[in-house]
Amino acid sequence: MSDDEILEILDDHGQVVGTGSKAEIHAMGIRHRSVFVFVFRSSGRLILQQRSSEKTIRPGRVTASACGHVLSGESYLQAAHRELFEELGLTTDLTEVFEIDGPHPLDRELIRLFVGYSDDPLVPHPSEIDRIIEQGIDEITAGLESHALPYGKTFEAVFTEYRSRCPE
C-alpha cells in the first residue's frame, strides 16, 4: 500500500468521520481501520509472514498471514480478502472473529480479525514478505514468551486475544 492511499478516519466509537491519506493519518496518530487474517492449514498450523525488511512500518516483524489497512469505501471483509490475495495469492472463505484496538498509541488502529483455512500453495508478494513461517498455536505461544522470533506487538495482541476467545 502506498502512503497516498485514502483511509477512513474513525471517532472513539468506531464511526467513520472523515478520510485522509495513510501518511497523514499515521503522522497525526489518527484512529483508522485495519484487518488481520489468520489462515490455518488442515494440519492446524497457522501461516505467518515475516514482513519485508524494506517496509517502513515494523520491517522484519513476524505477523499474521495477511494484514493491512481498510481503504475508504471498502468493508472490513473486502479488505481482508484483498490483503490475503495481494500478500499471499490466496482466496478462501473468511469468518470475522472479533474487533480489537491495536496496541500502538501512535498507530491507532481498530482491527478486525478474520480466520480462514487453506492448503493451497502460497505466492508471497516479494515487496511485502521476506519469508513464510508455519507454526502451531502452542509453538507460537511459547515463541511469544521466549522471543524466539521477532513477532510484532500488534500480532502478539491479536493472537493473545484470539487464544483467550477461541480456546482449542
C-alpha atoms as a PDB file:
ATOM      1  CA  MET A   1       0.000   0.000   0.000  1.00  0.00           C
ATOM      2  CA  SER A   2       1.316   3.439  -0.813  1.00  0.00           C
ATOM      3  CA  ASP A   3       1.254   6.409   1.548  1.00  0.00           C
ATOM      4  CA  ASP A   4      -1.157   8.289  -0.721  1.00  0.00           C
ATOM      5  CA  GLU A   5      -3.985   5.738  -0.475  1.00  0.00           C
ATOM      6  CA  ILE A   6      -7.069   7.080   1.280  1.00  0.00           C
ATOM      7  CA  LEU A   7      -8.217   5.618   4.602  1.00  0.00           C
ATOM      8  CA  GLU A   8     -11.257   6.406   6.714  1.00  0.00           C
ATOM      9  CA  ILE A   9     -10.873   8.304   9.979  1.00  0.00           C
ATOM     10  CA  LEU A  10     -12.749   6.918  12.981  1.00  0.00           C
ATOM     11  CA  ASP A  11     -14.105   8.558  16.104  1.00  0.00           C
ATOM     12  CA  ASP A  12     -13.794   6.960  19.543  1.00  0.00           C
ATOM     13  CA  HIS A  13     -16.907   4.861  18.837  1.00  0.00           C
ATOM     14  CA  GLY A  14     -15.545   3.384  15.591  1.00  0.00           C
ATOM     15  CA  GLN A  15     -17.755   5.525  13.365  1.00  0.00           C
ATOM     16  CA  VAL A  16     -16.337   6.994  10.146  1.00  0.00           C
ATOM     17  CA  VAL A  17     -15.964  10.775  10.473  1.00  0.00           C
ATOM     18  CA  GLY A  18     -13.723  11.614   7.520  1.00  0.00           C
ATOM     19  CA  THR A  19     -10.888  10.481   5.284  1.00  0.00           C
ATOM     20  CA  GLY A  20      -7.184  11.136   4.928  1.00  0.00           C
ATOM     21  CA  SER A  21      -4.067   9.751   3.322  1.00  0.00           C
ATOM     22  CA  LYS A  22      -2.272   6.887   5.016  1.00  0.00           C
ATOM     23  CA  ALA A  23       0.754   9.143   5.520  1.00  0.00           C
ATOM     24  CA  GLU A  24      -1.146  11.934   7.265  1.00  0.00           C
ATOM     25  CA  ILE A  25      -3.235   9.533   9.365  1.00  0.00           C
ATOM     26  CA  HIS A  26      -0.092   7.799  10.633  1.00  0.00           C
ATOM     27  CA  ALA A  27       1.808  11.081  11.124  1.00  0.00           C
ATOM     28  CA  MET A  28      -1.017  12.540  13.217  1.00  0.00           C
ATOM     29  CA  GLY A  29      -1.893   9.360  15.149  1.00  0.00           C
ATOM     30  CA  ILE A  30      -5.485   9.339  13.883  1.00  0.00           C
ATOM     31  CA  ARG A  31      -7.687   6.296  14.536  1.00  0.00           C
ATOM     32  CA  HIS A  32      -8.367   4.187  11.423  1.00  0.00           C
ATOM     33  CA  ARG A  33      -9.439   0.683  10.343  1.00  0.00           C
ATOM     34  CA  SER A  34      -7.294  -2.365   9.638  1.00  0.00           C
ATOM     35  CA  VAL A  35      -7.619  -6.121   9.248  1.00  0.00           C
ATOM     36  CA  PHE A  36      -5.679  -9.173  10.358  1.00  0.00           C
ATOM     37  CA  VAL A  37      -6.168 -12.536   8.680  1.00  0.00           C
ATOM     38  CA  PHE A  38      -5.199 -15.872  10.238  1.00  0.00           C
ATOM     39  CA  VAL A  39      -5.115 -18.720   7.701  1.00  0.00           C
ATOM     40  CA  PHE A  40      -4.752 -22.196   9.121  1.00  0.00           C
ATOM     41  CA  ARG A  41      -3.589 -25.299   7.285  1.00  0.00           C
ATOM     42  CA  SER A  42      -5.561 -28.556   7.726  1.00  0.00           C
ATOM     43  CA  SER A  43      -2.663 -29.626   9.986  1.00  0.00           C
ATOM     44  CA  GLY A  44      -3.703 -26.860  12.403  1.00  0.00           C
ATOM     45  CA  ARG A  45      -0.590 -24.787  11.708  1.00  0.00           C
ATOM     46  CA  LEU A  46      -1.028 -21.046  11.247  1.00  0.00           C
ATOM     47  CA  ILE A  47       0.565 -19.359   8.251  1.00  0.00           C
ATOM     48  CA  LEU A  48       2.647 -16.376   9.398  1.00  0.00           C
ATOM     49  CA  GLN A  49       4.675 -13.908   7.394  1.00  0.00           C
ATOM     50  CA  GLN A  50       7.862 -12.099   8.208  1.00  0.00           C
ATOM     51  CA  ARG A  51       7.338  -8.599   6.868  1.00  0.00           C
ATOM     52  CA  SER A  52       9.816  -7.350   4.307  1.00  0.00           C
ATOM     53  CA  SER A  53      12.884  -5.685   5.776  1.00  0.00           C
ATOM     54  CA  GLU A  54      12.161  -2.873   3.272  1.00  0.00           C
ATOM     55  CA  LYS A  55       8.777  -1.968   4.868  1.00  0.00           C
ATOM     56  CA  THR A  56       8.529   1.459   6.513  1.00  0.00           C
ATOM     57  CA  ILE A  57       6.348   0.262   9.383  1.00  0.00           C
ATOM     58  CA  ARG A  58       7.553  -2.682  11.504  1.00  0.00           C
ATOM     59  CA  PRO A  59      10.087  -4.110   8.996  1.00  0.00           C
ATOM     60  CA  GLY A  60      11.151  -7.707   9.603  1.00  0.00           C
ATOM     61  CA  ARG A  61       8.442  -8.379  12.174  1.00  0.00           C
ATOM     62  CA  VAL A  62       6.576 -11.692  12.173  1.00  0.00           C
ATOM     63  CA  THR A  63       2.848 -11.158  11.891  1.00  0.00           C
ATOM     64  CA  ALA A  64      -0.455 -12.628  10.709  1.00  0.00           C
ATOM     65  CA  SER A  65      -0.966 -14.493   7.449  1.00  0.00           C
ATOM     66  CA  ALA A  66      -2.048 -11.161   5.974  1.00  0.00           C
ATOM     67  CA  CYS A  67      -2.822  -7.742   7.395  1.00  0.00           C
ATOM     68  CA  GLY A  68      -3.362  -4.214   6.230  1.00  0.00           C
ATOM     69  CA  HIS A  69      -5.498  -1.115   6.143  1.00  0.00           C
ATOM     70  CA  VAL A  70      -9.128  -0.850   5.097  1.00  0.00           C
ATOM     71  CA  LEU A  71      -9.370   1.608   2.215  1.00  0.00           C
ATOM     72  CA  SER A  72     -12.016   4.309   2.060  1.00  0.00           C
ATOM     73  CA  GLY A  73     -15.302   2.823   0.822  1.00  0.00           C
ATOM     74  CA  GLU A  74     -14.160  -0.740   1.483  1.00  0.00           C
ATOM     75  CA  SER A  75     -15.683  -3.112   4.061  1.00  0.00           C
ATOM     76  CA  TYR A  76     -13.510  -4.936   6.564  1.00  0.00           C
ATOM     77  CA  LEU A  77     -14.259  -8.232   4.792  1.00  0.00           C
ATOM     78  CA  GLN A  78     -13.366  -6.807   1.376  1.00  0.00           C
ATOM     79  CA  ALA A  79     -10.064  -5.531   2.814  1.00  0.00           C
ATOM     80  CA  ALA A  80      -9.313  -8.931   4.383  1.00  0.00           C
ATOM     81  CA  HIS A  81      -9.837 -10.707   1.046  1.00  0.00           C
ATOM     82  CA  ARG A  82      -7.817  -8.074  -0.839  1.00  0.00           C
ATOM     83  CA  GLU A  83      -4.879  -8.209   1.580  1.00  0.00           C
ATOM     84  CA  LEU A  84      -4.861 -12.018   1.595  1.00  0.00           C
ATOM     85  CA  PHE A  85      -4.721 -12.131  -2.198  1.00  0.00           C
ATOM     86  CA  GLU A  86      -2.182  -9.281  -2.531  1.00  0.00           C
ATOM     87  CA  GLU A  87       0.175 -10.692   0.083  1.00  0.00           C
ATOM     88  CA  LEU A  88      -0.146 -14.476  -0.355  1.00  0.00           C
ATOM     89  CA  GLY A  89      -2.047 -15.028  -3.615  1.00  0.00           C
ATOM     90  CA  LEU A  90      -4.784 -16.840  -1.644  1.00  0.00           C
ATOM     91  CA  THR A  91      -8.542 -16.796  -1.874  1.00  0.00           C
ATOM     92  CA  THR A  92     -10.577 -18.623   0.759  1.00  0.00           C
ATOM     93  CA  ASP A  93     -13.704 -18.162   2.842  1.00  0.00           C
ATOM     94  CA  LEU A  94     -13.122 -15.918   5.840  1.00  0.00           C
ATOM     95  CA  THR A  95     -15.051 -15.578   9.088  1.00  0.00           C
ATOM     96  CA  GLU A  96     -14.909 -12.482  11.267  1.00  0.00           C
ATOM     97  CA  VAL A  97     -13.881 -13.397  14.807  1.00  0.00           C
ATOM     98  CA  PHE A  98     -13.595 -10.150  16.809  1.00  0.00           C
ATOM     99  CA  GLU A  99     -12.607  -6.496  16.866  1.00  0.00           C
ATOM    100  CA  ILE A 100      -9.761  -5.098  18.987  1.00  0.00           C
ATOM    101  CA  ASP A 101      -7.926  -1.810  19.404  1.00  0.00           C
ATOM    102  CA  GLY A 102      -4.307  -2.057  18.290  1.00  0.00           C
ATOM    103  CA  PRO A 103      -1.596  -1.690  20.947  1.00  0.00           C
ATOM    104  CA  HIS A 104       0.381   1.156  19.332  1.00  0.00           C
ATOM    105  CA  PRO A 105      -0.526   4.602  20.716  1.00  0.00           C
ATOM    106  CA  LEU A 106       0.701   6.391  17.564  1.00  0.00           C
ATOM    107  CA  ASP A 107      -0.741   3.887  15.066  1.00  0.00           C
ATOM    108  CA  ARG A 108      -4.305   3.919  16.347  1.00  0.00           C
ATOM    109  CA  GLU A 109      -5.942   1.012  14.550  1.00  0.00           C
ATOM    110  CA  LEU A 110      -9.340  -0.576  15.086  1.00  0.00           C
ATOM    111  CA  ILE A 111      -8.540  -4.125  13.956  1.00  0.00           C
ATOM    112  CA  ARG A 112     -10.923  -6.873  12.902  1.00  0.00           C
ATOM    113  CA  LEU A 113      -9.597 -10.419  12.829  1.00  0.00           C
ATOM    114  CA  PHE A 114     -10.742 -12.855  10.151  1.00  0.00           C
ATOM    115  CA  VAL A 115      -9.955 -16.583  10.105  1.00  0.00           C
ATOM    116  CA  GLY A 116      -9.818 -18.941   7.115  1.00  0.00           C
ATOM    117  CA  TYR A 117      -8.458 -22.338   6.155  1.00  0.00           C
ATOM    118  CA  SER A 118      -6.437 -23.337   3.102  1.00  0.00           C
ATOM    119  CA  ASP A 119      -3.904 -25.921   1.968  1.00  0.00           C
ATOM    120  CA  ASP A 120      -3.412 -24.105  -1.339  1.00  0.00           C
ATOM    121  CA  PRO A 121       0.112 -23.102  -2.389  1.00  0.00           C
ATOM    122  CA  LEU A 122       1.214 -19.609  -1.422  1.00  0.00           C
ATOM    123  CA  VAL A 123       2.523 -16.904  -3.726  1.00  0.00           C
ATOM    124  CA  PRO A 124       4.141 -14.404  -1.319  1.00  0.00           C
ATOM    125  CA  HIS A 125       4.458 -10.864  -2.646  1.00  0.00           C
ATOM    126  CA  PRO A 126       8.227 -10.144  -2.603  1.00  0.00           C
ATOM    127  CA  SER A 127       7.953  -6.467  -1.638  1.00  0.00           C
ATOM    128  CA  GLU A 128       5.624  -7.328   1.260  1.00  0.00           C
ATOM    129  CA  ILE A 129       7.098 -10.548   2.678  1.00  0.00           C
ATOM    130  CA  ASP A 130      10.644 -11.795   3.346  1.00  0.00           C
ATOM    131  CA  ARG A 131       9.583 -15.314   4.337  1.00  0.00           C
ATOM    132  CA  ILE A 132       6.680 -17.562   5.281  1.00  0.00           C
ATOM    133  CA  ILE A 133       6.607 -19.406   8.597  1.00  0.00           C
ATOM    134  CA  GLU A 134       4.058 -22.040   9.625  1.00  0.00           C
ATOM    135  CA  GLN A 135       3.643 -22.697  13.338  1.00  0.00           C
ATOM    136  CA  GLY A 136       1.201 -24.461  15.627  1.00  0.00           C
ATOM    137  CA  ILE A 137      -0.717 -22.494  18.252  1.00  0.00           C
ATOM    138  CA  ASP A 138       1.358 -23.856  21.156  1.00  0.00           C
ATOM    139  CA  GLU A 139       4.569 -23.158  19.244  1.00  0.00           C
ATOM    140  CA  ILE A 140       3.526 -19.527  18.711  1.00  0.00           C
ATOM    141  CA  THR A 141       2.535 -19.168  22.369  1.00  0.00           C
ATOM    142  CA  ALA A 142       5.929 -20.494  23.505  1.00  0.00           C
ATOM    143  CA  GLY A 143       7.700 -18.353  20.902  1.00  0.00           C
ATOM    144  CA  LEU A 144       5.997 -15.196  22.133  1.00  0.00           C
ATOM    145  CA  GLU A 145       7.115 -15.971  25.686  1.00  0.00           C
ATOM    146  CA  SER A 146      10.716 -16.767  24.698  1.00  0.00           C
ATOM    147  CA  HIS A 147      11.002 -14.125  21.958  1.00  0.00           C
ATOM    148  CA  ALA A 148      12.082 -16.918  19.583  1.00  0.00           C
ATOM    149  CA  LEU A 149      11.147 -14.774  16.573  1.00  0.00           C
ATOM    150  CA  PRO A 150      10.727 -11.013  16.130  1.00  0.00           C
ATOM    151  CA  TYR A 151       6.926 -11.134  16.495  1.00  0.00           C
ATOM    152  CA  GLY A 152       5.179  -7.799  16.063  1.00  0.00           C
ATOM    153  CA  LYS A 153       3.414  -6.227  19.056  1.00  0.00           C
ATOM    154  CA  THR A 154       0.143  -5.966  17.149  1.00  0.00           C
ATOM    155  CA  PHE A 155       0.339  -9.629  16.145  1.00  0.00           C
ATOM    156  CA  GLU A 156       1.027 -10.531  19.776  1.00  0.00           C
ATOM    157  CA  ALA A 157      -2.030  -8.552  20.943  1.00  0.00           C
ATOM    158  CA  VAL A 158      -4.336 -10.050  18.297  1.00  0.00           C
ATOM    159  CA  PHE A 159      -3.008 -13.591  18.801  1.00  0.00           C
ATOM    160  CA  THR A 160      -3.337 -13.353  22.608  1.00  0.00           C
ATOM    161  CA  GLU A 161      -6.945 -12.156  22.245  1.00  0.00           C
ATOM    162  CA  TYR A 162      -7.610 -14.973  19.775  1.00  0.00           C
ATOM    163  CA  ARG A 163      -6.282 -17.548  22.276  1.00  0.00           C
ATOM    164  CA  SER A 164      -8.467 -16.116  25.051  1.00  0.00           C
ATOM    165  CA  ARG A 165     -11.634 -16.086  22.920  1.00  0.00           C
ATOM    166  CA  CYS A 166     -11.079 -19.234  20.871  1.00  0.00           C
ATOM    167  CA  PRO A 167      -9.531 -21.871  23.142  1.00  0.00           C
ATOM    168  CA  GLU A 168      -8.767 -25.126  21.393  1.00  0.00           C
END
